[in-house]
């Protein structure tokens, strides 16, 4: 049972393999994520992780830590404040 003030955190380094696996699973092969040449010409200057890949990490916190195995969430509102670059250590927390 969740209580006000409960929190949990996990960390993950977003790898090139993560990005290509996500692209293969979802079919989202946007060259912003998969092509060095294309991404270098964008405002980001390099490839970035899919926003939904990073958002999906919230599921790991709920399903593994808060409250734990067996838990799922039914809705999610997102606002992406900055890109997640490949190689970034991405803490994902929920409280």
Protein backbone atom coordinates (compact mmCIF):
# COMPACT_ATOMS: atom_id res chain seq x y z
CA UNK A 1 0.00 0.00 0.00
CA UNK A 2 1.34 3.42 -0.97
CA UNK A 3 1.44 6.21 1.56
CA UNK A 4 2.02 9.94 1.12
CA UNK A 5 5.76 10.49 1.30
CA UNK A 6 6.75 7.05 -0.05
CA UNK A 7 9.51 7.20 -2.64
CA UNK A 8 11.81 4.92 -4.59
CA UNK A 9 14.66 5.31 -7.06
CA UNK A 10 16.55 3.19 -9.56
CA UNK A 11 19.39 4.16 -11.90
CA UNK A 12 20.14 3.02 -15.43
CA UNK A 13 22.71 4.03 -18.01
CA UNK A 14 20.90 4.49 -21.32
CA UNK A 15 22.99 2.56 -23.85
CA UNK A 16 23.12 2.44 -27.62
CA UNK A 17 21.80 -1.12 -27.36
CA UNK A 18 18.78 0.11 -25.36
CA UNK A 19 17.96 2.63 -28.09
CA UNK A 20 18.26 0.09 -30.92
CA UNK A 21 16.28 -2.56 -29.02
CA UNK A 22 13.51 -0.03 -28.31
CA UNK A 23 13.53 1.02 -31.98
CA UNK A 24 13.19 -2.61 -33.04
CA UNK A 25 10.46 -3.45 -30.55
CA UNK A 26 8.32 -0.37 -31.28
CA UNK A 27 9.16 0.19 -34.93
CA UNK A 28 10.19 3.79 -34.09
CA UNK A 29 13.40 3.99 -36.10
CA UNK A 30 13.41 7.79 -36.22
CA UNK A 31 16.91 8.74 -37.43
CA UNK A 32 17.16 11.20 -34.54
CA UNK A 33 17.64 8.11 -32.40
CA UNK A 34 19.39 5.76 -34.82
CA UNK A 35 21.58 7.81 -37.20
CA UNK A 36 24.70 9.69 -36.10
CA UNK A 37 24.74 11.69 -39.36
CA UNK A 38 21.09 12.73 -39.18
CA UNK A 39 21.14 13.56 -35.47
CA UNK A 40 24.31 15.67 -35.82
CA UNK A 41 22.32 18.09 -38.02
CA UNK A 42 19.49 18.53 -35.50
CA UNK A 43 19.22 20.99 -32.62
CA UNK A 44 20.39 18.19 -30.31
CA UNK A 45 23.65 17.69 -32.22
CA UNK A 46 23.73 13.99 -31.45
CA UNK A 47 21.45 10.96 -31.11
CA UNK A 48 19.10 10.94 -28.16
CA UNK A 49 17.01 8.24 -26.50
CA UNK A 50 13.33 7.90 -27.35
CA UNK A 51 11.21 9.87 -24.91
CA UNK A 52 8.97 6.87 -24.34
CA UNK A 53 11.97 4.67 -23.56
CA UNK A 54 12.85 6.98 -20.68
CA UNK A 55 9.20 7.30 -19.64
CA UNK A 56 8.94 3.52 -19.58
CA UNK A 57 11.51 3.41 -16.82
CA UNK A 58 8.83 4.68 -14.45
CA UNK A 59 7.24 1.26 -14.83
CA UNK A 60 10.38 -0.32 -13.37
CA UNK A 61 10.11 1.80 -10.24
CA UNK A 62 6.46 0.89 -9.71
CA UNK A 63 6.81 -2.76 -10.62
CA UNK A 64 10.02 -3.42 -8.71
CA UNK A 65 10.27 -0.94 -5.83
CA UNK A 66 7.20 1.19 -5.11
CA UNK A 67 5.21 -0.62 -3.97
CA UNK A 68 6.80 -3.58 -5.78
CA UNK A 69 6.21 -6.74 -7.82
CA UNK A 70 2.70 -7.04 -9.19
CA UNK A 71 2.01 -3.30 -9.25
CA UNK A 72 1.06 -1.51 -12.46
CA UNK A 73 0.04 2.09 -13.06
CA UNK A 74 -3.05 3.01 -15.02
CA UNK A 75 -2.21 6.48 -16.29
CA UNK A 76 0.75 8.75 -16.77
CA UNK A 77 1.18 12.44 -17.69
CA UNK A 78 4.54 13.39 -19.14
CA UNK A 79 6.51 16.55 -19.82
CA UNK A 80 9.95 16.09 -21.38
CA UNK A 81 12.20 18.88 -20.11
CA UNK A 82 15.46 17.84 -21.77
CA UNK A 83 16.74 15.12 -24.08
CA UNK A 84 18.36 12.00 -22.64
CA UNK A 85 21.64 11.39 -24.41
CA UNK A 86 23.01 7.92 -25.01
CA UNK A 87 25.42 7.08 -22.20
CA UNK A 88 23.50 9.20 -19.69
CA UNK A 89 23.02 7.77 -16.23
CA UNK A 90 19.32 8.26 -15.85
CA UNK A 91 17.92 8.19 -12.33
CA UNK A 92 14.24 7.46 -12.34
CA UNK A 93 12.36 8.13 -9.19
CA UNK A 94 8.82 8.35 -8.03
CA UNK A 95 7.39 9.77 -4.87
